[in-house]
Amino acid sequence: MFSGRVTRRIRIVSAAMVHTVMAMTLRSSVPIARSVGLFTTQIYGGVPQSRQVGALRKGVDIIVGTPGRIEDLHEQGKLDLAPLVTHNLPLERYGEGIALLEARKAIKVCYRPWETE
């Protein structure tokens, strides 16, 4: 998968459907993140991937981006989201995922809308 030296691990991925919402999220989160020593980066389409991939290689704590580019980099093996997921469920088991979260038996649930049981 992704190769390169990473000293930081991704802790949060915030996806916004619209670039302007992503920018607002980033603008409000960067000062908070910096104040506690966390690094952020933005991932979005319409621009070359090279700077975004470079930031991922250096290591980031928080990614704010658009779903399309996040998915693209993940599918290309340049963004590993596995550490963010504790449970994988098909979307039709949404209720089960919510119950796991509410019971504090899961901290992260990934829903796979493309898969069915």
N, C-alpha and C. Protein backbone atom coordinates (compact mmCIF):
# COMPACT_ATOMS: atom_id res chain seq x y z
N MET A 1 0.83 -1.18 0.00
CA MET A 1 0.00 0.00 0.00
C MET A 1 0.87 1.24 0.00
N PHE A 2 0.61 2.22 0.83
CA PHE A 2 1.33 3.47 0.87
C PHE A 2 2.73 3.25 1.43
N SER A 3 3.71 3.74 0.72
CA SER A 3 5.07 3.61 1.23
C SER A 3 5.64 4.99 1.51
N GLY A 4 6.47 5.07 2.45
CA GLY A 4 7.07 6.34 2.84
C GLY A 4 7.10 6.43 4.34
N ARG A 5 8.00 7.23 4.85
CA ARG A 5 8.15 7.36 6.29
C ARG A 5 7.09 8.31 6.84
N VAL A 6 6.30 7.82 7.75
CA VAL A 6 5.26 8.63 8.36
C VAL A 6 5.47 8.60 9.87
N THR A 7 5.64 9.77 10.46
CA THR A 7 5.82 9.84 11.89
C THR A 7 4.52 10.19 12.60
N ARG A 8 3.55 10.65 11.87
CA ARG A 8 2.24 10.98 12.42
C ARG A 8 1.22 10.05 11.80
N ARG A 9 0.11 9.88 12.51
CA ARG A 9 -0.94 9.05 11.95
C ARG A 9 -2.21 9.87 11.85
N ILE A 10 -3.02 9.54 10.89
CA ILE A 10 -4.28 10.26 10.68
C ILE A 10 -5.23 9.91 11.83
N ARG A 11 -5.74 10.94 12.46
CA ARG A 11 -6.68 10.75 13.57
C ARG A 11 -8.10 11.13 13.18
N ILE A 12 -8.22 12.12 12.30
CA ILE A 12 -9.53 12.63 11.91
C ILE A 12 -9.55 12.89 10.40
N VAL A 13 -10.65 12.49 9.76
CA VAL A 13 -10.91 12.87 8.38
C VAL A 13 -12.28 13.53 8.36
N SER A 14 -12.31 14.77 7.94
CA SER A 14 -13.56 15.52 7.84
C SER A 14 -13.83 15.77 6.36
N ALA A 15 -14.93 15.21 5.88
CA ALA A 15 -15.28 15.36 4.46
C ALA A 15 -16.45 16.31 4.31
N ALA A 16 -16.31 17.24 3.38
CA ALA A 16 -17.37 18.20 3.07
C ALA A 16 -17.67 18.10 1.59
N MET A 17 -18.93 18.09 1.24
CA MET A 17 -19.34 17.91 -0.15
C MET A 17 -18.96 19.10 -1.03
N VAL A 18 -18.84 20.27 -0.45
CA VAL A 18 -18.58 21.49 -1.21
C VAL A 18 -17.26 22.10 -0.75
N HIS A 19 -16.48 22.55 -1.70
CA HIS A 19 -15.16 23.11 -1.40
C HIS A 19 -15.25 24.26 -0.42
N THR A 20 -16.26 25.12 -0.52
CA THR A 20 -16.36 26.26 0.39
C THR A 20 -16.60 25.81 1.82
N VAL A 21 -17.39 24.77 2.02
CA VAL A 21 -17.62 24.24 3.36
C VAL A 21 -16.34 23.63 3.90
N MET A 22 -15.60 22.93 3.02
CA MET A 22 -14.32 22.37 3.42
C MET A 22 -13.38 23.47 3.87
N ALA A 23 -13.33 24.56 3.12
CA ALA A 23 -12.44 25.67 3.47
C ALA A 23 -12.84 26.30 4.80
N MET A 24 -14.14 26.43 5.07
CA MET A 24 -14.59 26.99 6.34
C MET A 24 -14.20 26.06 7.49
N THR A 25 -14.35 24.77 7.29
CA THR A 25 -13.97 23.79 8.32
C THR A 25 -12.48 23.89 8.61
N LEU A 26 -11.70 23.96 7.56
CA LEU A 26 -10.25 24.05 7.71
C LEU A 26 -9.86 25.34 8.42
N ARG A 27 -10.48 26.44 8.03
CA ARG A 27 -10.16 27.74 8.62
C ARG A 27 -10.42 27.75 10.13
N SER A 28 -11.47 27.06 10.56
CA SER A 28 -11.76 27.05 11.99
C SER A 28 -10.97 25.99 12.75
N SER A 29 -10.55 24.92 12.07
CA SER A 29 -9.86 23.84 12.78
C SER A 29 -8.35 24.02 12.87
N VAL A 30 -7.74 24.70 11.92
CA VAL A 30 -6.28 24.84 11.91
C VAL A 30 -5.74 25.50 13.17
N PRO A 31 -6.28 26.64 13.60
CA PRO A 31 -5.73 27.26 14.83
C PRO A 31 -5.84 26.36 16.06
N ILE A 32 -6.95 25.65 16.16
CA ILE A 32 -7.14 24.74 17.31
C ILE A 32 -6.12 23.60 17.23
N ALA A 33 -5.99 23.01 16.04
CA ALA A 33 -5.06 21.90 15.85
C ALA A 33 -3.63 22.34 16.16
N ARG A 34 -3.23 23.48 15.62
CA ARG A 34 -1.87 23.98 15.85
C ARG A 34 -1.60 24.22 17.33
N SER A 35 -2.61 24.69 18.03
CA SER A 35 -2.41 25.01 19.45
C SER A 35 -2.11 23.78 20.30
N VAL A 36 -2.47 22.60 19.79
CA VAL A 36 -2.18 21.37 20.53
C VAL A 36 -1.16 20.49 19.79
N GLY A 37 -0.48 21.09 18.80
CA GLY A 37 0.60 20.39 18.11
C GLY A 37 0.18 19.39 17.04
N LEU A 38 -1.02 19.55 16.50
CA LEU A 38 -1.48 18.65 15.44
C LEU A 38 -1.32 19.31 14.08
N PHE A 39 -1.02 18.49 13.07
CA PHE A 39 -0.87 18.98 11.70
C PHE A 39 -2.11 18.65 10.90
N THR A 40 -2.52 19.60 10.06
CA THR A 40 -3.68 19.41 9.19
C THR A 40 -3.26 19.54 7.73
N THR A 41 -4.08 18.99 6.86
CA THR A 41 -3.90 19.20 5.43
C THR A 41 -5.26 19.18 4.77
N GLN A 42 -5.32 19.75 3.58
CA GLN A 42 -6.56 19.74 2.83
C GLN A 42 -6.39 18.87 1.59
N ILE A 43 -7.43 18.11 1.30
CA ILE A 43 -7.43 17.18 0.18
C ILE A 43 -8.67 17.48 -0.65
N TYR A 44 -8.50 17.95 -1.88
CA TYR A 44 -9.64 18.26 -2.73
C TYR A 44 -9.25 18.16 -4.19
N GLY A 45 -10.23 17.98 -5.02
CA GLY A 45 -9.99 17.81 -6.44
C GLY A 45 -9.82 19.13 -7.17
N GLY A 46 -9.50 19.02 -8.47
CA GLY A 46 -9.34 20.20 -9.30
C GLY A 46 -7.95 20.78 -9.28
N VAL A 47 -7.07 20.18 -8.49
CA VAL A 47 -5.67 20.61 -8.42
C VAL A 47 -4.80 19.35 -8.50
N PRO A 48 -3.53 19.49 -8.87
CA PRO A 48 -2.66 18.31 -8.90
C PRO A 48 -2.56 17.66 -7.51
N GLN A 49 -2.44 16.36 -7.49
CA GLN A 49 -2.37 15.60 -6.25
C GLN A 49 -1.02 15.69 -5.56
N SER A 50 0.01 16.09 -6.25
CA SER A 50 1.38 15.98 -5.74
C SER A 50 1.59 16.63 -4.37
N ARG A 51 1.09 17.85 -4.16
CA ARG A 51 1.28 18.51 -2.86
C ARG A 51 0.51 17.78 -1.76
N GLN A 52 -0.68 17.28 -2.11
CA GLN A 52 -1.50 16.56 -1.14
C GLN A 52 -0.83 15.25 -0.74
N VAL A 53 -0.31 14.54 -1.72
CA VAL A 53 0.39 13.28 -1.45
C VAL A 53 1.66 13.56 -0.65
N GLY A 54 2.35 14.65 -0.96
CA GLY A 54 3.54 15.02 -0.20
C GLY A 54 3.22 15.26 1.27
N ALA A 55 2.11 15.93 1.53
CA ALA A 55 1.69 16.18 2.92
C ALA A 55 1.38 14.86 3.62
N LEU A 56 0.72 13.94 2.92
CA LEU A 56 0.41 12.64 3.51
C LEU A 56 1.68 11.87 3.83
N ARG A 57 2.67 11.95 2.95
CA ARG A 57 3.95 11.25 3.19
C ARG A 57 4.67 11.80 4.41
N LYS A 58 4.59 13.11 4.60
CA LYS A 58 5.23 13.71 5.77
C LYS A 58 4.51 13.33 7.05
N GLY A 59 3.21 13.09 6.93
CA GLY A 59 2.39 12.70 8.08
C GLY A 59 1.50 13.84 8.54
N VAL A 60 0.23 13.55 8.68
CA VAL A 60 -0.73 14.54 9.16
C VAL A 60 -1.61 13.89 10.22
N ASP A 61 -2.18 14.71 11.06
CA ASP A 61 -3.11 14.24 12.07
C ASP A 61 -4.56 14.39 11.62
N ILE A 62 -4.84 15.48 10.90
CA ILE A 62 -6.20 15.81 10.51
C ILE A 62 -6.26 16.11 9.02
N ILE A 63 -7.20 15.47 8.33
CA ILE A 63 -7.44 15.74 6.91
C ILE A 63 -8.82 16.37 6.80
N VAL A 64 -8.88 17.48 6.09
CA VAL A 64 -10.15 18.10 5.75
C VAL A 64 -10.20 18.11 4.23
N GLY A 65 -11.24 17.52 3.66
CA GLY A 65 -11.27 17.43 2.22
C GLY A 65 -12.62 17.11 1.65
N THR A 66 -12.62 16.91 0.35
CA THR A 66 -13.85 16.54 -0.35
C THR A 66 -13.84 15.02 -0.57
N PRO A 67 -15.02 14.41 -0.52
CA PRO A 67 -15.10 12.95 -0.61
C PRO A 67 -14.46 12.36 -1.87
N GLY A 68 -14.62 13.03 -3.00
CA GLY A 68 -14.09 12.50 -4.25
C GLY A 68 -12.59 12.33 -4.24
N ARG A 69 -11.87 13.36 -3.82
CA ARG A 69 -10.40 13.27 -3.79
C ARG A 69 -9.93 12.33 -2.69
N ILE A 70 -10.62 12.33 -1.55
CA ILE A 70 -10.27 11.40 -0.48
C ILE A 70 -10.39 9.97 -1.00
N GLU A 71 -11.49 9.69 -1.69
CA GLU A 71 -11.69 8.35 -2.25
C GLU A 71 -10.65 8.03 -3.31
N ASP A 72 -10.34 8.99 -4.17
CA ASP A 72 -9.32 8.78 -5.21
C ASP A 72 -7.97 8.39 -4.60
N LEU A 73 -7.52 9.15 -3.62
CA LEU A 73 -6.22 8.86 -3.01
C LEU A 73 -6.24 7.53 -2.26
N HIS A 74 -7.37 7.23 -1.65
CA HIS A 74 -7.50 5.93 -0.96
C HIS A 74 -7.41 4.79 -1.96
N GLU A 75 -8.14 4.89 -3.06
CA GLU A 75 -8.13 3.83 -4.08
C GLU A 75 -6.76 3.68 -4.74
N GLN A 76 -6.00 4.76 -4.82
CA GLN A 76 -4.65 4.72 -5.40
C GLN A 76 -3.62 4.21 -4.41
N GLY A 77 -4.02 3.97 -3.18
CA GLY A 77 -3.10 3.49 -2.16
C GLY A 77 -2.23 4.57 -1.56
N LYS A 78 -2.61 5.82 -1.75
CA LYS A 78 -1.83 6.94 -1.22
C LYS A 78 -2.38 7.46 0.10
N LEU A 79 -3.55 6.97 0.49
CA LEU A 79 -4.19 7.38 1.74
C LEU A 79 -4.77 6.14 2.40
N ASP A 80 -4.21 5.77 3.53
CA ASP A 80 -4.66 4.58 4.25
C ASP A 80 -5.66 4.99 5.32
N LEU A 81 -6.92 4.60 5.15
CA LEU A 81 -7.96 4.95 6.10
C LEU A 81 -8.24 3.83 7.10
N ALA A 82 -7.57 2.69 6.94
CA ALA A 82 -7.82 1.54 7.82
C ALA A 82 -7.67 1.86 9.30
N PRO A 83 -6.67 2.65 9.72
CA PRO A 83 -6.54 2.92 11.16
C PRO A 83 -7.71 3.69 11.76
N LEU A 84 -8.55 4.27 10.92
CA LEU A 84 -9.67 5.05 11.41
C LEU A 84 -10.93 4.22 11.65
N VAL A 85 -10.90 2.95 11.30
CA VAL A 85 -12.12 2.14 11.33
C VAL A 85 -11.98 1.01 12.35
N THR A 86 -12.99 0.87 13.21
CA THR A 86 -13.01 -0.26 14.14
C THR A 86 -14.01 -1.32 13.71
N HIS A 87 -15.01 -0.94 12.92
CA HIS A 87 -16.02 -1.88 12.43
C HIS A 87 -16.36 -1.54 10.98
N ASN A 88 -16.54 -2.55 10.15
CA ASN A 88 -16.99 -2.39 8.77
C ASN A 88 -18.36 -3.03 8.65
N LEU A 89 -19.34 -2.27 8.20
CA LEU A 89 -20.70 -2.79 8.06
C LEU A 89 -21.29 -2.32 6.74
N PRO A 90 -22.13 -3.16 6.11
CA PRO A 90 -22.86 -2.66 4.95
C PRO A 90 -23.88 -1.62 5.42
N LEU A 91 -24.24 -0.72 4.54
CA LEU A 91 -25.13 0.37 4.90
C LEU A 91 -26.46 -0.12 5.46
N GLU A 92 -26.93 -1.27 5.01
CA GLU A 92 -28.21 -1.78 5.50
C GLU A 92 -28.17 -2.16 6.97
N ARG A 93 -26.97 -2.23 7.56
CA ARG A 93 -26.84 -2.52 8.99
C ARG A 93 -26.51 -1.25 9.78
N TYR A 94 -26.98 -0.11 9.28
CA TYR A 94 -26.74 1.20 9.90
C TYR A 94 -27.16 1.21 11.36
N GLY A 95 -28.33 0.68 11.65
CA GLY A 95 -28.84 0.66 13.03
C GLY A 95 -27.91 -0.07 13.98
N GLU A 96 -27.33 -1.16 13.51
CA GLU A 96 -26.38 -1.92 14.33
C GLU A 96 -25.14 -1.09 14.64
N GLY A 97 -24.68 -0.34 13.66
CA GLY A 97 -23.52 0.53 13.87
C GLY A 97 -23.80 1.61 14.89
N ILE A 98 -24.98 2.21 14.82
CA ILE A 98 -25.36 3.24 15.78
C ILE A 98 -25.42 2.64 17.18
N ALA A 99 -25.99 1.44 17.30
CA ALA A 99 -26.06 0.78 18.61
C ALA A 99 -24.66 0.52 19.17
N LEU A 100 -23.73 0.10 18.32
CA LEU A 100 -22.35 -0.12 18.76
C LEU A 100 -21.72 1.17 19.28
N LEU A 101 -21.95 2.26 18.55
CA LEU A 101 -21.40 3.55 18.96
C LEU A 101 -22.02 4.02 20.28
N GLU A 102 -23.33 3.89 20.38
CA GLU A 102 -24.01 4.33 21.61
C GLU A 102 -23.59 3.51 22.82
N ALA A 103 -23.34 2.21 22.62
CA ALA A 103 -22.91 1.34 23.72
C ALA A 103 -21.41 1.46 23.98
N ARG A 104 -20.76 2.31 23.21
CA ARG A 104 -19.31 2.52 23.31
C ARG A 104 -18.51 1.24 23.07
N LYS A 105 -19.06 0.39 22.19
CA LYS A 105 -18.35 -0.82 21.79
C LYS A 105 -17.61 -0.60 20.48
N ALA A 106 -17.80 0.56 19.89
CA ALA A 106 -17.10 0.94 18.66
C ALA A 106 -16.79 2.42 18.77
N ILE A 107 -15.65 2.80 18.20
CA ILE A 107 -15.35 4.23 18.16
C ILE A 107 -15.42 4.77 16.74
N LYS A 108 -15.32 3.88 15.77
CA LYS A 108 -15.40 4.30 14.38
C LYS A 108 -16.09 3.21 13.59
N VAL A 109 -17.06 3.56 12.80
CA VAL A 109 -17.77 2.59 11.97
C VAL A 109 -17.70 3.06 10.53
N CYS A 110 -17.32 2.19 9.64
CA CYS A 110 -17.27 2.47 8.21
C CYS A 110 -18.45 1.75 7.56
N TYR A 111 -19.30 2.50 6.89
CA TYR A 111 -20.43 1.89 6.18
C TYR A 111 -20.04 1.74 4.72
N ARG A 112 -20.33 0.57 4.20
CA ARG A 112 -19.99 0.25 2.80
C ARG A 112 -21.29 0.21 1.99
N PRO A 113 -21.70 1.35 1.42
CA PRO A 113 -22.97 1.36 0.68
C PRO A 113 -22.94 0.51 -0.58
N TRP A 114 -21.76 0.18 -1.07
CA TRP A 114 -21.64 -0.61 -2.28
C TRP A 114 -21.77 -2.10 -2.02
N GLU A 115 -21.83 -2.52 -0.78
CA GLU A 115 -21.93 -3.94 -0.45
C GLU A 115 -23.27 -4.23 0.23
N THR A 116 -23.80 -5.39 -0.05
CA THR A 116 -25.01 -5.84 0.62
C THR A 116 -24.76 -7.23 1.15
N GLU A 117 -25.59 -7.64 2.08
CA GLU A 117 -25.44 -8.98 2.66
C GLU A 117 -26.34 -9.95 1.96
